[in-house]
């Protein structure tokens, strides 16, 4: 039987209206993830999601946006695979479920729900300037967050 390596899917979660520092962190995180060959998964809209997607695309990476609305056309221009759900904020569960690891940057209550779903689904959740709660591993920089994401992670094979 052939072994097929699964690409790591790293969810980048965060606010739609971040400050410039958080936006820059998200861009760098997206770029570093793509450089390591992983896929960026996000909510597909603006703010942290768009900055991370832009960073990933600049580094030649693949991006997936799990959208709250009914139209794939709502995705930011850096999303390769837009998935319309029609679920509103309930789609946050799908972002967490379809990520192997989550990196939270900034964010409000929507980000908090994605962190919670990540913890429920037993995903590693790394935080950069986000909610300081049990289950979130704090990182001090984009580089540290990405290194923590890949640390002790072994892709599934079949």
C-alpha atoms as a PDB file:
ATOM      1  CA  UNK A   1       0.000   0.000   0.000  1.00  0.00           C
ATOM      2  CA  UNK A   2       1.294   3.478  -0.873  1.00  0.00           C
ATOM      3  CA  UNK A   3       1.803   5.955   1.918  1.00  0.00           C
ATOM      4  CA  UNK A   4       0.156   9.291   1.238  1.00  0.00           C
ATOM      5  CA  UNK A   5       1.324  12.221   3.334  1.00  0.00           C
ATOM      6  CA  UNK A   6      -1.435  14.556   4.344  1.00  0.00           C
ATOM      7  CA  UNK A   7      -0.618  18.255   4.110  1.00  0.00           C
ATOM      8  CA  UNK A   8      -0.969  20.012   7.425  1.00  0.00           C
ATOM      9  CA  UNK A   9      -3.922  22.423   7.537  1.00  0.00           C
ATOM     10  CA  UNK A  10      -3.298  25.331   9.876  1.00  0.00           C
ATOM     11  CA  UNK A  11      -6.280  27.466  10.781  1.00  0.00           C
ATOM     12  CA  UNK A  12      -5.582  31.157  11.221  1.00  0.00           C
ATOM     13  CA  UNK A  13      -8.328  32.737  13.291  1.00  0.00           C
ATOM     14  CA  UNK A  14      -8.761  36.334  14.359  1.00  0.00           C
ATOM     15  CA  UNK A  15     -10.674  39.538  14.101  1.00  0.00           C
ATOM     16  CA  UNK A  16     -12.105  41.244  11.049  1.00  0.00           C
ATOM     17  CA  UNK A  17     -10.868  44.667  12.232  1.00  0.00           C
ATOM     18  CA  UNK A  18      -7.372  44.142  13.680  1.00  0.00           C
ATOM     19  CA  UNK A  19      -4.787  46.803  14.424  1.00  0.00           C
ATOM     20  CA  UNK A  20      -1.794  47.110  12.111  1.00  0.00           C
ATOM     21  CA  UNK A  21       0.494  45.071  14.392  1.00  0.00           C
ATOM     22  CA  UNK A  22      -1.925  42.124  14.368  1.00  0.00           C
ATOM     23  CA  UNK A  23      -2.424  42.419  10.619  1.00  0.00           C
ATOM     24  CA  UNK A  24       1.359  42.260  10.101  1.00  0.00           C
ATOM     25  CA  UNK A  25       1.634  39.234  12.410  1.00  0.00           C
ATOM     26  CA  UNK A  26      -1.098  37.461  10.428  1.00  0.00           C
ATOM     27  CA  UNK A  27       0.630  38.184   7.118  1.00  0.00           C
ATOM     28  CA  UNK A  28       3.921  36.796   8.442  1.00  0.00           C
ATOM     29  CA  UNK A  29       2.249  33.715   9.957  1.00  0.00           C
ATOM     30  CA  UNK A  30       0.519  32.972   6.645  1.00  0.00           C
ATOM     31  CA  UNK A  31       3.771  33.410   4.751  1.00  0.00           C
ATOM     32  CA  UNK A  32       5.747  31.139   7.098  1.00  0.00           C
ATOM     33  CA  UNK A  33       3.072  28.445   7.003  1.00  0.00           C
ATOM     34  CA  UNK A  34       3.106  28.411   3.199  1.00  0.00           C
ATOM     35  CA  UNK A  35       6.906  28.300   3.129  1.00  0.00           C
ATOM     36  CA  UNK A  36       6.723  25.120   5.247  1.00  0.00           C
ATOM     37  CA  UNK A  37       4.279  23.563   2.786  1.00  0.00           C
ATOM     38  CA  UNK A  38       1.134  23.662   4.922  1.00  0.00           C
ATOM     39  CA  UNK A  39      -2.322  24.861   3.885  1.00  0.00           C
ATOM     40  CA  UNK A  40      -3.887  27.977   5.420  1.00  0.00           C
ATOM     41  CA  UNK A  41      -7.505  27.552   6.516  1.00  0.00           C
ATOM     42  CA  UNK A  42      -9.475  30.595   7.669  1.00  0.00           C
ATOM     43  CA  UNK A  43     -12.884  32.216   7.645  1.00  0.00           C
ATOM     44  CA  UNK A  44     -12.109  33.704   4.232  1.00  0.00           C
ATOM     45  CA  UNK A  45     -13.120  37.304   4.861  1.00  0.00           C
ATOM     46  CA  UNK A  46     -11.233  40.463   5.920  1.00  0.00           C
ATOM     47  CA  UNK A  47      -8.782  41.459   8.638  1.00  0.00           C
ATOM     48  CA  UNK A  48      -6.632  38.676  10.085  1.00  0.00           C
ATOM     49  CA  UNK A  49      -8.097  36.208   7.577  1.00  0.00           C
ATOM     50  CA  UNK A  50      -7.187  38.347   4.568  1.00  0.00           C
ATOM     51  CA  UNK A  51      -3.712  39.236   5.873  1.00  0.00           C
ATOM     52  CA  UNK A  52      -2.847  35.575   6.545  1.00  0.00           C
ATOM     53  CA  UNK A  53      -4.187  34.533   3.145  1.00  0.00           C
ATOM     54  CA  UNK A  54      -2.220  37.283   1.409  1.00  0.00           C
ATOM     55  CA  UNK A  55       0.974  36.183   3.172  1.00  0.00           C
ATOM     56  CA  UNK A  56       0.388  32.565   2.202  1.00  0.00           C
ATOM     57  CA  UNK A  57      -0.316  33.449  -1.429  1.00  0.00           C
ATOM     58  CA  UNK A  58       2.799  35.637  -1.627  1.00  0.00           C
ATOM     59  CA  UNK A  59       4.815  32.570  -0.549  1.00  0.00           C
ATOM     60  CA  UNK A  60       3.088  30.325  -3.115  1.00  0.00           C
ATOM     61  CA  UNK A  61       0.789  28.580  -0.632  1.00  0.00           C
ATOM     62  CA  UNK A  62      -2.728  27.213  -0.833  1.00  0.00           C
ATOM     63  CA  UNK A  63      -5.601  28.894   1.040  1.00  0.00           C
ATOM     64  CA  UNK A  64      -9.057  27.681   2.013  1.00  0.00           C
ATOM     65  CA  UNK A  65     -11.783  30.063   3.204  1.00  0.00           C
ATOM     66  CA  UNK A  66     -14.776  28.666   5.075  1.00  0.00           C
ATOM     67  CA  UNK A  67     -17.281  31.471   4.594  1.00  0.00           C
ATOM     68  CA  UNK A  68     -20.270  32.393   6.768  1.00  0.00           C
ATOM     69  CA  UNK A  69     -22.496  33.362   3.850  1.00  0.00           C
ATOM     70  CA  UNK A  70     -24.038  31.755   0.787  1.00  0.00           C
ATOM     71  CA  UNK A  71     -21.695  33.067  -1.895  1.00  0.00           C
ATOM     72  CA  UNK A  72     -18.153  31.883  -2.633  1.00  0.00           C
ATOM     73  CA  UNK A  73     -17.691  35.322  -4.218  1.00  0.00           C
ATOM     74  CA  UNK A  74     -17.634  36.873  -0.738  1.00  0.00           C
ATOM     75  CA  UNK A  75     -14.133  35.483  -0.123  1.00  0.00           C
ATOM     76  CA  UNK A  76     -11.163  37.807   0.010  1.00  0.00           C
ATOM     77  CA  UNK A  77      -9.062  37.826  -3.188  1.00  0.00           C
ATOM     78  CA  UNK A  78      -6.347  35.590  -1.675  1.00  0.00           C
ATOM     79  CA  UNK A  79      -8.575  32.558  -1.110  1.00  0.00           C
ATOM     80  CA  UNK A  80      -8.003  29.672  -3.531  1.00  0.00           C
ATOM     81  CA  UNK A  81     -10.837  27.446  -2.342  1.00  0.00           C
ATOM     82  CA  UNK A  82     -13.868  29.347  -1.014  1.00  0.00           C
ATOM     83  CA  UNK A  83     -16.434  27.202   0.787  1.00  0.00           C
ATOM     84  CA  UNK A  84     -19.783  28.925   1.292  1.00  0.00           C
ATOM     85  CA  UNK A  85     -21.697  27.524   4.260  1.00  0.00           C
ATOM     86  CA  UNK A  86     -24.712  29.798   4.820  1.00  0.00           C
ATOM     87  CA  UNK A  87     -24.121  29.181   8.535  1.00  0.00           C
ATOM     88  CA  UNK A  88     -23.082  32.607   9.847  1.00  0.00           C
ATOM     89  CA  UNK A  89     -20.933  32.358  12.959  1.00  0.00           C
ATOM     90  CA  UNK A  90     -21.781  28.661  13.255  1.00  0.00           C
ATOM     91  CA  UNK A  91     -19.234  28.108  10.499  1.00  0.00           C
ATOM     92  CA  UNK A  92     -16.547  28.751  13.154  1.00  0.00           C
ATOM     93  CA  UNK A  93     -16.952  25.129  14.163  1.00  0.00           C
ATOM     94  CA  UNK A  94     -16.055  24.069  10.615  1.00  0.00           C
ATOM     95  CA  UNK A  95     -12.937  26.256  10.585  1.00  0.00           C
ATOM     96  CA  UNK A  96     -11.699  24.539  13.757  1.00  0.00           C
ATOM     97  CA  UNK A  97     -12.762  21.063  12.646  1.00  0.00           C
ATOM     98  CA  UNK A  98     -10.994  21.372   9.296  1.00  0.00           C
ATOM     99  CA  UNK A  99      -7.717  22.602  10.781  1.00  0.00           C
ATOM    100  CA  UNK A 100      -5.094  20.336  12.288  1.00  0.00           C
ATOM    101  CA  UNK A 101      -3.757  23.216  14.395  1.00  0.00           C
ATOM    102  CA  UNK A 102      -5.115  26.711  15.114  1.00  0.00           C
ATOM    103  CA  UNK A 103      -3.233  29.982  15.467  1.00  0.00           C
ATOM    104  CA  UNK A 104      -5.356  32.749  16.986  1.00  0.00           C
ATOM    105  CA  UNK A 105      -4.290  36.337  16.373  1.00  0.00           C
ATOM    106  CA  UNK A 106      -6.131  39.222  18.024  1.00  0.00           C
ATOM    107  CA  UNK A 107      -9.896  38.736  17.812  1.00  0.00           C
ATOM    108  CA  UNK A 108     -13.144  39.199  19.625  1.00  0.00           C
ATOM    109  CA  UNK A 109     -15.945  36.783  20.492  1.00  0.00           C
ATOM    110  CA  UNK A 110     -15.956  35.047  17.106  1.00  0.00           C
ATOM    111  CA  UNK A 111     -12.300  34.180  17.623  1.00  0.00           C
ATOM    112  CA  UNK A 112     -13.122  33.000  21.133  1.00  0.00           C
ATOM    113  CA  UNK A 113     -15.680  30.551  19.721  1.00  0.00           C
ATOM    114  CA  UNK A 114     -13.118  29.188  17.268  1.00  0.00           C
ATOM    115  CA  UNK A 115     -10.624  28.765  20.133  1.00  0.00           C
ATOM    116  CA  UNK A 116     -13.308  26.938  22.128  1.00  0.00           C
ATOM    117  CA  UNK A 117     -14.140  24.646  19.214  1.00  0.00           C
ATOM    118  CA  UNK A 118     -10.429  23.982  18.735  1.00  0.00           C
ATOM    119  CA  UNK A 119     -10.169  22.919  22.380  1.00  0.00           C
ATOM    120  CA  UNK A 120     -13.331  20.805  22.120  1.00  0.00           C
ATOM    121  CA  UNK A 121     -11.905  19.041  19.047  1.00  0.00           C
ATOM    122  CA  UNK A 122      -8.586  18.584  20.896  1.00  0.00           C
ATOM    123  CA  UNK A 123      -6.563  20.694  18.472  1.00  0.00           C
ATOM    124  CA  UNK A 124      -3.391  22.497  19.414  1.00  0.00           C
ATOM    125  CA  UNK A 125      -4.320  26.193  19.774  1.00  0.00           C
ATOM    126  CA  UNK A 126      -1.571  28.817  19.698  1.00  0.00           C
ATOM    127  CA  UNK A 127      -2.247  32.448  20.579  1.00  0.00           C
ATOM    128  CA  UNK A 128      -0.618  35.686  19.448  1.00  0.00           C
ATOM    129  CA  UNK A 129      -2.080  38.690  21.261  1.00  0.00           C
ATOM    130  CA  UNK A 130      -5.419  36.958  21.740  1.00  0.00           C
ATOM    131  CA  UNK A 131      -7.519  35.460  24.526  1.00  0.00           C
ATOM    132  CA  UNK A 132      -5.449  34.341  27.513  1.00  0.00           C
ATOM    133  CA  UNK A 133      -7.420  31.250  28.509  1.00  0.00           C
ATOM    134  CA  UNK A 134      -6.716  27.634  29.390  1.00  0.00           C
ATOM    135  CA  UNK A 135      -5.927  25.595  26.305  1.00  0.00           C
ATOM    136  CA  UNK A 136      -4.160  28.396  24.412  1.00  0.00           C
ATOM    137  CA  UNK A 137      -0.374  28.164  24.084  1.00  0.00           C
ATOM    138  CA  UNK A 138       1.031  31.696  24.085  1.00  0.00           C
ATOM    139  CA  UNK A 139       3.560  32.699  21.424  1.00  0.00           C
ATOM    140  CA  UNK A 140       5.556  35.928  21.416  1.00  0.00           C
ATOM    141  CA  UNK A 141       6.189  36.193  17.655  1.00  0.00           C
ATOM    142  CA  UNK A 142       4.956  34.925  14.298  1.00  0.00           C
ATOM    143  CA  UNK A 143       8.015  32.698  14.018  1.00  0.00           C
ATOM    144  CA  UNK A 144       7.449  31.172  17.464  1.00  0.00           C
ATOM    145  CA  UNK A 145       3.762  30.554  16.682  1.00  0.00           C
ATOM    146  CA  UNK A 146       4.569  28.698  13.461  1.00  0.00           C
ATOM    147  CA  UNK A 147       7.382  26.721  15.089  1.00  0.00           C
ATOM    148  CA  UNK A 148       5.001  25.704  17.896  1.00  0.00           C
ATOM    149  CA  UNK A 149       2.405  24.702  15.301  1.00  0.00           C
ATOM    150  CA  UNK A 150       4.820  22.281  13.636  1.00  0.00           C
ATOM    151  CA  UNK A 151       6.438  21.057  16.865  1.00  0.00           C
ATOM    152  CA  UNK A 152       5.463  17.477  17.682  1.00  0.00           C
ATOM    153  CA  UNK A 153       3.098  17.323  14.709  1.00  0.00           C
ATOM    154  CA  UNK A 154       3.368  14.221  12.553  1.00  0.00           C
ATOM    155  CA  UNK A 155       1.136  14.178   9.451  1.00  0.00           C
ATOM    156  CA  UNK A 156      -1.141  11.190   9.122  1.00  0.00           C
ATOM    157  CA  UNK A 157      -0.231   8.591   6.567  1.00  0.00           C
ATOM    158  CA  UNK A 158      -2.351   5.896   4.996  1.00  0.00           C
END
